[in-house]
């Protein structure tokens, strides 16, 4: 990983901290066979290397089949202005790499481990790493926190892939019979589905869902909240009446701002942000 440190140093020298560029394109975090995976990173405007910052990593949606990191670019721009170091993580999907959802989860865990392993370089608080995602990306964020297996063999498993908090946008949290993706997951759902693996210590979570979502029933989300609270974990479920899947995306400006302000307030309540939303 020494070449990653060199990339970072070169960027610092080229940019200068006084006018810190908002993001680095194609920061590599994982090489698996012939596939190179990267993240974009957004730094706070007044980034100061004498401080440490919470971080948030976003996983795009697309049914583990398609999608790209641009989905959460507006979210990363917002939260970097609020003082978080933000990452947009690419991961393997069926259309591009002919992979299964299991490889997607391995990559999500690798991305979180990479951030923890390089926290010193990016001045990140290792106890303040938040995972976020929408739809299948929401599954990856939740599963990285809850699922024990599906780790890349090349990862250093002594580094935790468990985020400290979760922001989930209409996440796929049930992969069992009748849930999303069961035809691809099969009986492995017992070890892959977040809903079926919640245990004590699950990170505090905010969960956004439209009541007309055709993939994630409201009842499933409500049950998830019940199980989370039963094991002593916080789960704020916020329902948007009449909204369907993907309602939170930036193209739906009003709903985007409503969800981002709620997410901001959630992070303030946990101590990761201070002050009022922008």
C-alpha atoms as a PDB file:
ATOM      1  CA  UNK A   1       0.000   0.000   0.000  1.00  0.00           C
ATOM      2  CA  UNK A   2       3.044   2.345   0.010  1.00  0.00           C
ATOM      3  CA  UNK A   3       2.158   3.646  -3.459  1.00  0.00           C
ATOM      4  CA  UNK A   4      -1.155   4.930  -2.049  1.00  0.00           C
ATOM      5  CA  UNK A   5       0.709   7.030   0.519  1.00  0.00           C
ATOM      6  CA  UNK A   6       2.852   8.470  -2.269  1.00  0.00           C
ATOM      7  CA  UNK A   7      -0.244   9.394  -4.290  1.00  0.00           C
ATOM      8  CA  UNK A   8      -1.620  11.198  -1.260  1.00  0.00           C
ATOM      9  CA  UNK A   9       1.628  13.122  -0.607  1.00  0.00           C
ATOM     10  CA  UNK A  10       1.880  14.193  -4.243  1.00  0.00           C
ATOM     11  CA  UNK A  11      -1.694  15.432  -4.122  1.00  0.00           C
ATOM     12  CA  UNK A  12      -1.040  17.447  -0.956  1.00  0.00           C
ATOM     13  CA  UNK A  13       2.025  19.082  -2.475  1.00  0.00           C
ATOM     14  CA  UNK A  14       0.222  19.867  -5.709  1.00  0.00           C
ATOM     15  CA  UNK A  15      -2.914  21.258  -4.072  1.00  0.00           C
ATOM     16  CA  UNK A  16      -1.775  23.081  -0.986  1.00  0.00           C
ATOM     17  CA  UNK A  17      -3.910  22.936   2.138  1.00  0.00           C
ATOM     18  CA  UNK A  18      -5.093  26.536   1.901  1.00  0.00           C
ATOM     19  CA  UNK A  19      -7.035  25.830  -1.276  1.00  0.00           C
ATOM     20  CA  UNK A  20      -7.604  22.134  -0.824  1.00  0.00           C
ATOM     21  CA  UNK A  21      -9.115  20.551  -3.917  1.00  0.00           C
ATOM     22  CA  UNK A  22     -12.446  18.971  -3.136  1.00  0.00           C
ATOM     23  CA  UNK A  23     -11.741  15.466  -4.333  1.00  0.00           C
ATOM     24  CA  UNK A  24      -9.144  13.043  -5.635  1.00  0.00           C
ATOM     25  CA  UNK A  25     -10.154  11.028  -8.655  1.00  0.00           C
ATOM     26  CA  UNK A  26      -9.559   7.282  -8.718  1.00  0.00           C
ATOM     27  CA  UNK A  27      -7.807   6.662  -5.412  1.00  0.00           C
ATOM     28  CA  UNK A  28      -7.126   2.896  -5.612  1.00  0.00           C
ATOM     29  CA  UNK A  29      -8.058   0.845  -2.577  1.00  0.00           C
ATOM     30  CA  UNK A  30      -8.086  -2.747  -3.838  1.00  0.00           C
ATOM     31  CA  UNK A  31      -6.597  -4.943  -6.536  1.00  0.00           C
ATOM     32  CA  UNK A  32      -8.339  -8.290  -6.990  1.00  0.00           C
ATOM     33  CA  UNK A  33      -7.140 -10.405  -9.912  1.00  0.00           C
ATOM     34  CA  UNK A  34      -7.215  -8.030 -12.908  1.00  0.00           C
ATOM     35  CA  UNK A  35      -9.755  -5.667 -11.323  1.00  0.00           C
ATOM     36  CA  UNK A  36      -8.629  -2.399  -9.752  1.00  0.00           C
ATOM     37  CA  UNK A  37     -11.148  -0.691  -7.479  1.00  0.00           C
ATOM     38  CA  UNK A  38     -11.021   2.966  -6.539  1.00  0.00           C
ATOM     39  CA  UNK A  39     -12.648   5.575  -4.344  1.00  0.00           C
ATOM     40  CA  UNK A  40     -13.153   9.277  -4.767  1.00  0.00           C
ATOM     41  CA  UNK A  41     -12.412  11.242  -1.631  1.00  0.00           C
ATOM     42  CA  UNK A  42     -13.844  14.648  -0.691  1.00  0.00           C
ATOM     43  CA  UNK A  43     -12.110  16.686   2.006  1.00  0.00           C
ATOM     44  CA  UNK A  44     -13.605  19.447   4.161  1.00  0.00           C
ATOM     45  CA  UNK A  45     -13.012  22.926   2.759  1.00  0.00           C
ATOM     46  CA  UNK A  46     -10.947  23.959   5.793  1.00  0.00           C
ATOM     47  CA  UNK A  47      -9.087  20.673   6.056  1.00  0.00           C
ATOM     48  CA  UNK A  48      -6.418  20.939   8.757  1.00  0.00           C
ATOM     49  CA  UNK A  49      -3.922  18.111   9.174  1.00  0.00           C
ATOM     50  CA  UNK A  50      -3.529  18.945  12.861  1.00  0.00           C
ATOM     51  CA  UNK A  51      -7.124  17.749  13.409  1.00  0.00           C
ATOM     52  CA  UNK A  52      -8.886  14.431  12.948  1.00  0.00           C
ATOM     53  CA  UNK A  53     -12.222  14.104  11.183  1.00  0.00           C
ATOM     54  CA  UNK A  54     -15.083  11.641  11.057  1.00  0.00           C
ATOM     55  CA  UNK A  55     -15.456   9.917   7.692  1.00  0.00           C
ATOM     56  CA  UNK A  56     -18.358   8.617   5.658  1.00  0.00           C
ATOM     57  CA  UNK A  57     -18.207   6.078   2.844  1.00  0.00           C
ATOM     58  CA  UNK A  58     -21.074   5.810   0.344  1.00  0.00           C
ATOM     59  CA  UNK A  59     -22.082   2.710  -1.613  1.00  0.00           C
ATOM     60  CA  UNK A  60     -24.208   3.220  -4.728  1.00  0.00           C
ATOM     61  CA  UNK A  61     -27.325   1.220  -5.554  1.00  0.00           C
ATOM     62  CA  UNK A  62     -28.109  -0.921  -8.565  1.00  0.00           C
ATOM     63  CA  UNK A  63     -29.072  -4.372  -7.356  1.00  0.00           C
ATOM     64  CA  UNK A  64     -25.393  -5.467  -7.173  1.00  0.00           C
ATOM     65  CA  UNK A  65     -25.723  -5.466 -10.985  1.00  0.00           C
ATOM     66  CA  UNK A  66     -25.035  -1.913 -12.105  1.00  0.00           C
ATOM     67  CA  UNK A  67     -24.633   1.633 -10.768  1.00  0.00           C
ATOM     68  CA  UNK A  68     -21.740   4.030 -10.213  1.00  0.00           C
ATOM     69  CA  UNK A  69     -20.233   6.295  -7.581  1.00  0.00           C
ATOM     70  CA  UNK A  70     -21.768   9.478  -9.010  1.00  0.00           C
ATOM     71  CA  UNK A  71     -25.079   8.659  -7.300  1.00  0.00           C
ATOM     72  CA  UNK A  72     -23.876   9.994  -3.963  1.00  0.00           C
ATOM     73  CA  UNK A  73     -21.655  12.809  -5.230  1.00  0.00           C
ATOM     74  CA  UNK A  74     -24.115  15.506  -4.018  1.00  0.00           C
ATOM     75  CA  UNK A  75     -24.203  13.858  -0.591  1.00  0.00           C
ATOM     76  CA  UNK A  76     -20.405  13.764  -0.429  1.00  0.00           C
ATOM     77  CA  UNK A  77     -20.184  17.428  -1.427  1.00  0.00           C
ATOM     78  CA  UNK A  78     -22.668  18.356   1.290  1.00  0.00           C
ATOM     79  CA  UNK A  79     -21.092  16.352   4.097  1.00  0.00           C
ATOM     80  CA  UNK A  80     -17.560  17.430   3.193  1.00  0.00           C
ATOM     81  CA  UNK A  81     -18.751  21.028   3.627  1.00  0.00           C
ATOM     82  CA  UNK A  82     -20.069  19.963   7.031  1.00  0.00           C
ATOM     83  CA  UNK A  83     -16.643  18.684   8.043  1.00  0.00           C
ATOM     84  CA  UNK A  84     -16.542  14.990   7.141  1.00  0.00           C
ATOM     85  CA  UNK A  85     -14.000  13.266   4.932  1.00  0.00           C
ATOM     86  CA  UNK A  86     -16.223  11.571   2.349  1.00  0.00           C
ATOM     87  CA  UNK A  87     -15.522   8.550   0.176  1.00  0.00           C
ATOM     88  CA  UNK A  88     -17.414   7.286  -2.864  1.00  0.00           C
ATOM     89  CA  UNK A  89     -16.453   3.625  -3.171  1.00  0.00           C
ATOM     90  CA  UNK A  90     -16.631   1.600  -6.353  1.00  0.00           C
ATOM     91  CA  UNK A  91     -17.227  -2.141  -6.030  1.00  0.00           C
ATOM     92  CA  UNK A  92     -17.656  -5.130  -8.315  1.00  0.00           C
ATOM     93  CA  UNK A  93     -21.054  -5.586  -9.982  1.00  0.00           C
ATOM     94  CA  UNK A  94     -22.489  -8.150 -12.339  1.00  0.00           C
ATOM     95  CA  UNK A  95     -22.593  -6.050 -15.513  1.00  0.00           C
ATOM     96  CA  UNK A  96     -19.002  -4.871 -15.307  1.00  0.00           C
ATOM     97  CA  UNK A  97     -17.173  -7.769 -13.657  1.00  0.00           C
ATOM     98  CA  UNK A  98     -19.661 -10.666 -13.978  1.00  0.00           C
ATOM     99  CA  UNK A  99     -19.662 -11.078 -10.210  1.00  0.00           C
ATOM    100  CA  UNK A 100     -22.245 -11.975  -7.584  1.00  0.00           C
ATOM    101  CA  UNK A 101     -23.569  -9.980  -4.600  1.00  0.00           C
ATOM    102  CA  UNK A 102     -21.058 -11.842  -2.441  1.00  0.00           C
ATOM    103  CA  UNK A 103     -18.116 -10.140  -4.183  1.00  0.00           C
ATOM    104  CA  UNK A 104     -19.868  -6.791  -3.774  1.00  0.00           C
ATOM    105  CA  UNK A 105     -19.973  -7.299  -0.013  1.00  0.00           C
ATOM    106  CA  UNK A 106     -16.345  -8.363   0.110  1.00  0.00           C
ATOM    107  CA  UNK A 107     -15.425  -5.111  -1.644  1.00  0.00           C
ATOM    108  CA  UNK A 108     -17.512  -2.987   0.729  1.00  0.00           C
ATOM    109  CA  UNK A 109     -15.722  -4.532   3.688  1.00  0.00           C
ATOM    110  CA  UNK A 110     -12.361  -3.977   1.998  1.00  0.00           C
ATOM    111  CA  UNK A 111     -13.225  -0.303   1.430  1.00  0.00           C
ATOM    112  CA  UNK A 112     -14.012   0.272   5.113  1.00  0.00           C
ATOM    113  CA  UNK A 113     -10.862  -1.563   6.161  1.00  0.00           C
ATOM    114  CA  UNK A 114      -8.829   0.575   3.759  1.00  0.00           C
ATOM    115  CA  UNK A 115     -10.184   3.751   5.349  1.00  0.00           C
ATOM    116  CA  UNK A 116      -9.331   2.483   8.836  1.00  0.00           C
ATOM    117  CA  UNK A 117      -5.877   1.281   7.808  1.00  0.00           C
ATOM    118  CA  UNK A 118      -5.099   4.673   6.215  1.00  0.00           C
ATOM    119  CA  UNK A 119      -6.838   6.814   8.833  1.00  0.00           C
ATOM    120  CA  UNK A 120      -3.547   8.369   9.888  1.00  0.00           C
ATOM    121  CA  UNK A 121      -2.775   9.550   6.360  1.00  0.00           C
ATOM    122  CA  UNK A 122      -6.193  11.130   5.892  1.00  0.00           C
ATOM    123  CA  UNK A 123      -6.498  12.396   9.498  1.00  0.00           C
ATOM    124  CA  UNK A 124      -9.611  10.337  10.169  1.00  0.00           C
ATOM    125  CA  UNK A 125     -11.003   9.370  13.557  1.00  0.00           C
ATOM    126  CA  UNK A 126     -11.018   5.570  13.492  1.00  0.00           C
ATOM    127  CA  UNK A 127     -13.982   5.593  15.912  1.00  0.00           C
ATOM    128  CA  UNK A 128     -15.970   7.859  13.611  1.00  0.00           C
ATOM    129  CA  UNK A 129     -16.388   5.937  10.352  1.00  0.00           C
ATOM    130  CA  UNK A 130     -19.923   6.033   8.967  1.00  0.00           C
ATOM    131  CA  UNK A 131     -21.224   3.828   6.159  1.00  0.00           C
ATOM    132  CA  UNK A 132     -24.089   4.908   3.921  1.00  0.00           C
ATOM    133  CA  UNK A 133     -25.784   3.571   0.841  1.00  0.00           C
ATOM    134  CA  UNK A 134     -28.947   3.246  -1.171  1.00  0.00           C
ATOM    135  CA  UNK A 135     -30.829   0.091  -2.144  1.00  0.00           C
ATOM    136  CA  UNK A 136     -28.206  -2.636  -2.743  1.00  0.00           C
ATOM    137  CA  UNK A 137     -25.601  -0.121  -1.561  1.00  0.00           C
ATOM    138  CA  UNK A 138     -27.612   0.225   1.625  1.00  0.00           C
ATOM    139  CA  UNK A 139     -27.407  -3.540   1.954  1.00  0.00           C
ATOM    140  CA  UNK A 140     -23.615  -3.364   1.655  1.00  0.00           C
ATOM    141  CA  UNK A 141     -23.372  -0.684   4.347  1.00  0.00           C
ATOM    142  CA  UNK A 142     -25.628  -2.632   6.727  1.00  0.00           C
ATOM    143  CA  UNK A 143     -24.042  -5.988   5.918  1.00  0.00           C
ATOM    144  CA  UNK A 144     -20.533  -4.643   6.498  1.00  0.00           C
ATOM    145  CA  UNK A 145     -21.739  -3.780   9.992  1.00  0.00           C
ATOM    146  CA  UNK A 146     -23.694  -6.947  10.742  1.00  0.00           C
ATOM    147  CA  UNK A 147     -22.496  -9.873   8.606  1.00  0.00           C
ATOM    148  CA  UNK A 148     -19.480 -11.801   9.918  1.00  0.00           C
ATOM    149  CA  UNK A 149     -18.459 -13.656   6.764  1.00  0.00           C
ATOM    150  CA  UNK A 150     -17.755 -12.741   3.138  1.00  0.00           C
ATOM    151  CA  UNK A 151     -14.312 -11.256   3.744  1.00  0.00           C
ATOM    152  CA  UNK A 152     -11.673 -11.005   1.037  1.00  0.00           C
ATOM    153  CA  UNK A 153      -8.839 -13.472   1.663  1.00  0.00           C
ATOM    154  CA  UNK A 154      -6.274 -10.752   1.000  1.00  0.00           C
ATOM    155  CA  UNK A 155      -7.755  -8.417   3.651  1.00  0.00           C
ATOM    156  CA  UNK A 156      -6.127  -7.989   7.030  1.00  0.00           C
ATOM    157  CA  UNK A 157      -8.965  -9.278   9.193  1.00  0.00           C
ATOM    158  CA  UNK A 158      -7.436  -7.730  12.295  1.00  0.00           C
ATOM    159  CA  UNK A 159      -8.748  -4.415  10.934  1.00  0.00           C
ATOM    160  CA  UNK A 160     -12.470  -4.087  11.574  1.00  0.00           C
ATOM    161  CA  UNK A 161     -14.851  -3.541   8.664  1.00  0.00           C
ATOM    162  CA  UNK A 162     -17.669  -2.565  11.036  1.00  0.00           C
ATOM    163  CA  UNK A 163     -18.723   1.096  10.668  1.00  0.00           C
ATOM    164  CA  UNK A 164     -19.600   3.146  13.731  1.00  0.00           C
ATOM    165  CA  UNK A 165     -22.935   4.382  12.354  1.00  0.00           C
ATOM    166  CA  UNK A 166     -25.181   3.728   9.364  1.00  0.00           C
ATOM    167  CA  UNK A 167     -27.216   5.952   7.043  1.00  0.00           C
ATOM    168  CA  UNK A 168     -29.463   3.725   4.934  1.00  0.00           C
ATOM    169  CA  UNK A 169     -31.583   4.897   2.007  1.00  0.00           C
ATOM    170  CA  UNK A 170     -34.295   2.345   1.114  1.00  0.00           C
ATOM    171  CA  UNK A 171     -31.774  -0.416   1.868  1.00  0.00           C
ATOM    172  CA  UNK A 172     -32.091  -4.067   0.899  1.00  0.00           C
ATOM    173  CA  UNK A 173     -32.061  -5.626   4.365  1.00  0.00           C
ATOM    174  CA  UNK A 174     -34.010  -8.852   3.768  1.00  0.00           C
ATOM    175  CA  UNK A 175     -32.509 -11.425   1.369  1.00  0.00           C
ATOM    176  CA  UNK A 176     -34.561 -14.351   2.619  1.00  0.00           C
ATOM    177  CA  UNK A 177     -37.480 -16.072   0.866  1.00  0.00           C
ATOM    178  CA  UNK A 178     -39.783 -13.298  -0.293  1.00  0.00           C
ATOM    179  CA  UNK A 179     -37.055 -10.691   0.197  1.00  0.00           C
ATOM    180  CA  UNK A 180     -34.989  -8.930  -2.453  1.00  0.00           C
ATOM    181  CA  UNK A 181     -32.341 -10.972  -4.241  1.00  0.00           C
ATOM    182  CA  UNK A 182     -33.282 -14.375  -2.850  1.00  0.00           C
ATOM    183  CA  UNK A 183     -33.155 -15.935  -6.325  1.00  0.00           C
ATOM    184  CA  UNK A 184     -29.463 -14.972  -6.467  1.00  0.00           C
ATOM    185  CA  UNK A 185     -28.563 -15.455  -2.809  1.00  0.00           C
ATOM    186  CA  UNK A 186     -30.377 -18.731  -2.164  1.00  0.00           C
ATOM    187  CA  UNK A 187     -29.878 -20.428   1.183  1.00  0.00           C
ATOM    188  CA  UNK A 188     -26.809 -18.293   1.831  1.00  0.00           C
ATOM    189  CA  UNK A 189     -29.280 -15.609   2.935  1.00  0.00           C
ATOM    190  CA  UNK A 190     -28.931 -17.034   6.437  1.00  0.00           C
ATOM    191  CA  UNK A 191     -25.385 -15.650   6.527  1.00  0.00           C
ATOM    192  CA  UNK A 192     -25.848 -12.722   4.125  1.00  0.00           C
ATOM    193  CA  UNK A 193     -29.126 -11.006   5.000  1.00  0.00           C
ATOM    194  CA  UNK A 194     -28.804  -8.174   7.558  1.00  0.00           C
ATOM    195  CA  UNK A 195     -32.318  -8.731   8.895  1.00  0.00           C
ATOM    196  CA  UNK A 196     -31.456 -12.330   9.787  1.00  0.00           C
ATOM    197  CA  UNK A 197     -28.164 -11.526  11.526  1.00  0.00           C
ATOM    198  CA  UNK A 198     -28.748  -8.549  13.818  1.00  0.00           C
ATOM    199  CA  UNK A 199     -26.934  -9.007  17.126  1.00  0.00           C
ATOM    200  CA  UNK A 200     -26.002  -6.909  20.119  1.00  0.00           C
ATOM    201  CA  UNK A 201     -23.609  -4.120  19.180  1.00  0.00           C
ATOM    202  CA  UNK A 202     -25.154  -3.268  15.797  1.00  0.00           C
ATOM    203  CA  UNK A 203     -24.268   0.370  15.003  1.00  0.00           C
ATOM    204  CA  UNK A 204     -26.800   3.183  15.443  1.00  0.00           C
ATOM    205  CA  UNK A 205     -28.801   3.517  12.231  1.00  0.00           C
ATOM    206  CA  UNK A 206     -31.053   5.931  10.412  1.00  0.00           C
ATOM    207  CA  UNK A 207     -33.301   4.229   7.847  1.00  0.00           C
ATOM    208  CA  UNK A 208     -35.159   6.142   5.118  1.00  0.00           C
ATOM    209  CA  UNK A 209     -37.995   4.475   3.196  1.00  0.00           C
ATOM    210  CA  UNK A 210     -40.886   5.496   0.965  1.00  0.00           C
ATOM    211  CA  UNK A 211     -44.197   3.884   1.816  1.00  0.00           C
ATOM    212  CA  UNK A 212     -44.750   2.929  -1.838  1.00  0.00           C
ATOM    213  CA  UNK A 213     -41.359   1.247  -2.302  1.00  0.00           C
ATOM    214  CA  UNK A 214     -41.956  -1.807  -4.510  1.00  0.00           C
ATOM    215  CA  UNK A 215     -38.825  -3.620  -3.297  1.00  0.00           C
ATOM    216  CA  UNK A 216     -38.699  -2.990   0.453  1.00  0.00           C
ATOM    217  CA  UNK A 217     -42.018  -3.323   2.311  1.00  0.00           C
ATOM    218  CA  UNK A 218     -42.685  -0.931   5.168  1.00  0.00           C
ATOM    219  CA  UNK A 219     -43.409  -3.943   7.373  1.00  0.00           C
ATOM    220  CA  UNK A 220     -39.904  -5.277   6.744  1.00  0.00           C
ATOM    221  CA  UNK A 221     -38.368  -1.965   7.779  1.00  0.00           C
ATOM    222  CA  UNK A 222     -40.530  -1.813  10.887  1.00  0.00           C
ATOM    223  CA  UNK A 223     -39.490  -5.330  11.850  1.00  0.00           C
ATOM    224  CA  UNK A 224     -35.831  -4.390  11.312  1.00  0.00           C
ATOM    225  CA  UNK A 225     -36.297  -1.485  13.728  1.00  0.00           C
ATOM    226  CA  UNK A 226     -37.946  -3.788  16.280  1.00  0.00           C
ATOM    227  CA  UNK A 227     -35.068  -6.290  16.149  1.00  0.00           C
ATOM    228  CA  UNK A 228     -32.452  -3.521  16.343  1.00  0.00           C
ATOM    229  CA  UNK A 229     -34.060  -2.051  19.418  1.00  0.00           C
ATOM    230  CA  UNK A 230     -34.521  -5.500  20.956  1.00  0.00           C
ATOM    231  CA  UNK A 231     -30.724  -5.982  20.943  1.00  0.00           C
ATOM    232  CA  UNK A 232     -30.214  -2.483  22.367  1.00  0.00           C
ATOM    233  CA  UNK A 233     -29.281  -0.626  19.173  1.00  0.00           C
ATOM    234  CA  UNK A 234     -30.742   2.609  17.913  1.00  0.00           C
ATOM    235  CA  UNK A 235     -32.718   2.565  14.671  1.00  0.00           C
ATOM    236  CA  UNK A 236     -34.490   5.736  13.525  1.00  0.00           C
ATOM    237  CA  UNK A 237     -36.982   4.739  10.819  1.00  0.00           C
ATOM    238  CA  UNK A 238     -38.230   7.704   8.780  1.00  0.00           C
ATOM    239  CA  UNK A 239     -41.047   6.973   6.351  1.00  0.00           C
ATOM    240  CA  UNK A 240     -41.933   9.182   3.387  1.00  0.00           C
ATOM    241  CA  UNK A 241     -45.593   8.846   2.577  1.00  0.00           C
ATOM    242  CA  UNK A 242     -46.393   7.866  -1.009  1.00  0.00           C
ATOM    243  CA  UNK A 243     -42.764   7.797  -2.183  1.00  0.00           C
ATOM    244  CA  UNK A 244     -41.242   4.962  -4.174  1.00  0.00           C
ATOM    245  CA  UNK A 245     -37.808   3.435  -4.502  1.00  0.00           C
ATOM    246  CA  UNK A 246     -34.964   5.920  -5.025  1.00  0.00           C
ATOM    247  CA  UNK A 247     -36.992   8.923  -3.856  1.00  0.00           C
ATOM    248  CA  UNK A 248     -33.985  10.325  -1.971  1.00  0.00           C
ATOM    249  CA  UNK A 249     -31.759  10.893  -5.020  1.00  0.00           C
ATOM    250  CA  UNK A 250     -30.578  14.394  -5.876  1.00  0.00           C
ATOM    251  CA  UNK A 251     -32.890  14.688  -8.875  1.00  0.00           C
ATOM    252  CA  UNK A 252     -35.763  14.862  -6.373  1.00  0.00           C
ATOM    253  CA  UNK A 253     -34.449  18.081  -4.884  1.00  0.00           C
ATOM    254  CA  UNK A 254     -36.916  18.612  -2.035  1.00  0.00           C
ATOM    255  CA  UNK A 255     -36.746  14.997  -0.868  1.00  0.00           C
ATOM    256  CA  UNK A 256     -32.971  14.967  -1.198  1.00  0.00           C
ATOM    257  CA  UNK A 257     -32.740  17.945   1.155  1.00  0.00           C
ATOM    258  CA  UNK A 258     -35.256  16.491   3.602  1.00  0.00           C
ATOM    259  CA  UNK A 259     -33.302  13.246   3.902  1.00  0.00           C
ATOM    260  CA  UNK A 260     -29.917  14.922   4.073  1.00  0.00           C
ATOM    261  CA  UNK A 261     -31.043  17.272   6.840  1.00  0.00           C
ATOM    262  CA  UNK A 262     -32.428  14.315   8.813  1.00  0.00           C
ATOM    263  CA  UNK A 263     -29.151  12.449   8.281  1.00  0.00           C
ATOM    264  CA  UNK A 264     -27.210  15.533   9.367  1.00  0.00           C
ATOM    265  CA  UNK A 265     -29.266  15.817  12.561  1.00  0.00           C
ATOM    266  CA  UNK A 266     -28.704  12.107  13.230  1.00  0.00           C
ATOM    267  CA  UNK A 267     -24.938  12.584  13.004  1.00  0.00           C
ATOM    268  CA  UNK A 268     -25.146  15.645  15.266  1.00  0.00           C
ATOM    269  CA  UNK A 269     -26.983  13.525  17.846  1.00  0.00           C
ATOM    270  CA  UNK A 270     -24.108  11.018  17.756  1.00  0.00           C
ATOM    271  CA  UNK A 271     -21.460  13.722  18.115  1.00  0.00           C
ATOM    272  CA  UNK A 272     -19.964  13.352  14.634  1.00  0.00           C
ATOM    273  CA  UNK A 273     -21.154  16.804  13.516  1.00  0.00           C
ATOM    274  CA  UNK A 274     -21.817  20.048  15.349  1.00  0.00           C
ATOM    275  CA  UNK A 275     -24.182  22.921  14.724  1.00  0.00           C
ATOM    276  CA  UNK A 276     -27.163  23.303  12.418  1.00  0.00           C
ATOM    277  CA  UNK A 277     -27.418  21.712   8.949  1.00  0.00           C
ATOM    278  CA  UNK A 278     -26.330  23.882   6.042  1.00  0.00           C
END
